[in-house]
Amino acid sequence: MGRADAKSGSDEAPATLSLWENLSKEQLQGIQAWDERRLQVELDRLPPKARARMNEPMCSIRNMLTDWERLVRRMEAQWMPSGTYPISAYPNALETRDLLEDAVESISVEAKEAVRPLLESLDAIFYAHTVPDEEGELRPWVRPPSEGNARGWWRRKPRVSPW
């Protein structure tokens, strides 16, 4: 999963930036509690020397929202400015969306009430710019981590192909 630098990517993820600017103290604390648990998971996977340099999780809720918003905004713009998107990045974005769903389900009610509307609006953009992949065209490159429990976004492909 790619790391999104929320500050430098604010032009690509304006809704995420706006949400963060308007979070209450209680909402932010609910998100930070999940991020702290995630940081520990990520630190446990690193060698000791690397741990000292890491003070926030790569997959923080803010970073994952930023990544998801960047993807759906690129889809919405028909992949402009380049007109392309690496097919290897697409399953990474879907894995980020899976983790984001799990994260939002486990944060405080106050935090969830703030994050869920943004996530639903981003998902609506995703679904508006994708179609069911009934033929399995993306199957060689895009495979859900668990076939039986794959969420809906794993069974969709971009309406306008960037590949």
Protein backbone atom coordinates (compact mmCIF):
# COMPACT_ATOMS: atom_id res chain seq x y z
CA MET A 1 0.00 0.00 0.00
CA GLY A 2 1.32 3.36 -0.96
CA ARG A 3 1.87 6.11 1.53
CA ALA A 4 0.05 9.31 0.87
CA ASP A 5 1.57 12.49 2.12
CA ALA A 6 -1.64 14.28 3.05
CA LYS A 7 0.00 17.71 3.04
CA SER A 8 1.55 17.54 -0.42
CA GLY A 9 -1.42 15.66 -1.84
CA SER A 10 -4.07 18.10 -0.63
CA ASP A 11 -4.77 19.28 -4.17
CA GLU A 12 -5.49 15.67 -5.14
CA ALA A 13 -7.55 14.92 -2.03
CA PRO A 14 -9.41 18.11 -1.12
CA ALA A 15 -12.28 16.38 0.66
CA THR A 16 -9.91 14.50 2.97
CA LEU A 17 -8.04 17.70 3.75
CA SER A 18 -11.30 19.51 4.48
CA LEU A 19 -12.47 16.71 6.77
CA TRP A 20 -9.22 16.84 8.74
CA GLU A 21 -9.42 20.59 9.13
CA ASN A 22 -12.92 20.26 10.62
CA LEU A 23 -12.57 17.27 12.95
CA SER A 24 -13.49 17.86 16.57
CA LYS A 25 -11.05 16.95 19.32
CA GLU A 26 -13.12 13.84 20.18
CA GLN A 27 -13.27 12.70 16.55
CA LEU A 28 -9.54 13.17 16.10
CA GLN A 29 -8.84 11.26 19.31
CA GLY A 30 -10.96 8.35 18.05
CA ILE A 31 -8.95 8.24 14.84
CA GLN A 32 -5.62 8.64 16.62
CA ALA A 33 -6.41 5.66 18.86
CA TRP A 34 -6.72 3.42 15.78
CA ASP A 35 -3.62 4.98 14.20
CA GLU A 36 -1.60 4.24 17.35
CA ARG A 37 -2.62 0.57 17.22
CA ARG A 38 -1.78 0.47 13.50
CA LEU A 39 1.61 2.05 14.15
CA GLN A 40 2.45 -0.77 16.54
CA VAL A 41 1.47 -3.37 13.90
CA GLU A 42 3.71 -1.67 11.35
CA LEU A 43 6.60 -1.26 13.81
CA ASP A 44 6.45 -4.95 14.69
CA ARG A 45 7.19 -5.75 11.03
CA LEU A 46 10.32 -3.61 10.88
CA PRO A 47 13.90 -4.27 11.95
CA PRO A 48 14.93 -2.40 15.12
CA LYS A 49 16.95 0.31 13.32
CA ALA A 50 14.02 1.25 11.11
CA ARG A 51 11.59 1.45 14.03
CA ALA A 52 13.33 4.50 15.49
CA ARG A 53 12.63 6.53 12.35
CA MET A 54 8.91 5.83 12.19
CA ASN A 55 6.51 7.88 14.31
CA GLU A 56 3.24 7.51 12.41
CA PRO A 57 1.75 4.59 10.52
CA MET A 58 2.08 4.43 6.77
CA CYS A 59 -1.51 3.23 6.75
CA SER A 60 -3.04 5.87 8.98
CA ILE A 61 -6.71 6.58 8.42
CA ARG A 62 -5.84 9.96 6.93
CA ASN A 63 -3.27 8.47 4.55
CA MET A 64 -5.67 5.75 3.44
CA LEU A 65 -8.50 8.23 2.85
CA THR A 66 -6.10 10.38 0.86
CA ASP A 67 -5.00 7.40 -1.24
CA TRP A 68 -8.61 6.36 -1.91
CA GLU A 69 -9.64 9.89 -2.79
CA ARG A 70 -6.68 10.23 -5.17
CA LEU A 71 -7.73 7.07 -6.98
CA VAL A 72 -11.38 8.02 -7.36
CA ARG A 73 -10.52 11.59 -8.41
CA ARG A 74 -8.22 10.20 -11.11
CA MET A 75 -11.02 7.89 -12.27
CA GLU A 76 -13.48 10.77 -12.25
CA ALA A 77 -11.06 12.79 -14.43
CA GLN A 78 -10.66 9.82 -16.78
CA TRP A 79 -7.11 9.29 -15.51
CA MET A 80 -5.87 12.76 -16.45
CA PRO A 81 -3.39 14.30 -16.65
CA SER A 82 -1.45 11.25 -17.90
CA GLY A 83 -4.38 9.12 -19.08
CA THR A 84 -2.77 6.08 -17.48
CA TYR A 85 -2.62 4.32 -14.14
CA PRO A 86 -0.34 1.38 -13.29
CA ILE A 87 -2.33 -1.83 -13.16
CA SER A 88 -0.09 -2.95 -10.30
CA ALA A 89 -1.30 0.04 -8.25
CA TYR A 90 -4.99 -0.83 -8.68
CA PRO A 91 -5.04 -3.89 -6.37
CA ASN A 92 -2.96 -1.90 -3.87
CA ALA A 93 -5.68 0.76 -3.83
CA LEU A 94 -8.34 -1.91 -3.30
CA GLU A 95 -6.33 -3.41 -0.42
CA THR A 96 -6.10 0.08 1.08
CA ARG A 97 -9.88 0.38 0.75
CA ASP A 98 -10.31 -2.97 2.55
CA LEU A 99 -8.11 -1.85 5.44
CA LEU A 100 -9.86 1.51 5.53
CA GLU A 101 -13.23 -0.24 5.87
CA ASP A 102 -11.92 -2.32 8.77
CA ALA A 103 -10.43 0.77 10.40
CA VAL A 104 -13.60 2.83 10.15
CA GLU A 105 -15.64 0.00 11.60
CA SER A 106 -13.39 -0.10 14.66
CA ILE A 107 -13.04 3.61 15.51
CA SER A 108 -15.16 5.51 18.00
CA VAL A 109 -18.74 6.40 17.14
CA GLU A 110 -17.86 10.12 17.01
CA ALA A 111 -14.95 9.50 14.63
CA LYS A 112 -17.00 7.13 12.50
CA GLU A 113 -19.76 9.74 12.16
CA ALA A 114 -17.18 12.14 10.71
CA VAL A 115 -15.34 9.73 8.40
CA ARG A 116 -18.19 7.57 7.09
CA PRO A 117 -19.92 10.30 4.98
CA LEU A 118 -16.67 11.11 3.18
CA LEU A 119 -15.95 7.45 2.58
CA GLU A 120 -19.46 6.90 1.22
CA SER A 121 -19.12 9.87 -1.14
CA LEU A 122 -15.76 8.59 -2.41
CA ASP A 123 -17.23 5.12 -2.87
CA ALA A 124 -20.11 6.64 -4.86
CA ILE A 125 -17.57 8.21 -7.23
CA PHE A 126 -15.77 4.87 -7.49
CA TYR A 127 -18.97 3.00 -8.34
CA ALA A 128 -20.05 5.69 -10.82
CA HIS A 129 -16.78 5.29 -12.71
CA THR A 130 -16.50 1.50 -12.61
CA VAL A 131 -18.50 -1.38 -14.03
CA PRO A 132 -18.83 -4.99 -12.93
CA ASP A 133 -15.93 -7.12 -14.15
CA GLU A 134 -18.20 -10.03 -15.06
CA GLU A 135 -15.77 -11.45 -17.61
CA GLY A 136 -12.90 -11.38 -15.13
CA GLU A 137 -10.74 -9.25 -17.42
CA LEU A 138 -8.68 -7.97 -14.50
CA ARG A 139 -8.36 -11.38 -12.85
CA PRO A 140 -4.74 -11.97 -13.97
CA TRP A 141 -3.66 -8.75 -12.21
CA VAL A 142 -6.32 -8.06 -9.60
CA ARG A 143 -7.07 -10.77 -7.08
CA PRO A 144 -8.73 -10.13 -3.75
CA PRO A 145 -6.86 -11.33 -0.65
CA SER A 146 -9.76 -13.67 0.13
CA GLU A 147 -12.00 -14.80 -2.73
CA GLY A 148 -14.94 -15.77 -0.56
CA ASN A 149 -15.02 -12.53 1.41
CA ALA A 150 -14.10 -10.09 -1.35
CA ARG A 151 -15.85 -6.79 -1.02
CA GLY A 152 -17.67 -5.29 -3.99
CA TRP A 153 -14.87 -3.04 -5.19
CA TRP A 154 -12.78 -6.12 -6.02
CA ARG A 155 -15.33 -7.18 -8.64
CA ARG A 156 -15.29 -3.92 -10.57
CA LYS A 157 -13.12 -2.41 -13.27
CA PRO A 158 -12.75 1.20 -14.42
CA ARG A 159 -15.36 2.33 -16.95
CA VAL A 160 -12.55 4.08 -18.84
CA SER A 161 -9.53 1.81 -18.86
CA PRO A 162 -6.18 3.42 -18.06
CA TRP A 163 -4.32 0.29 -19.21
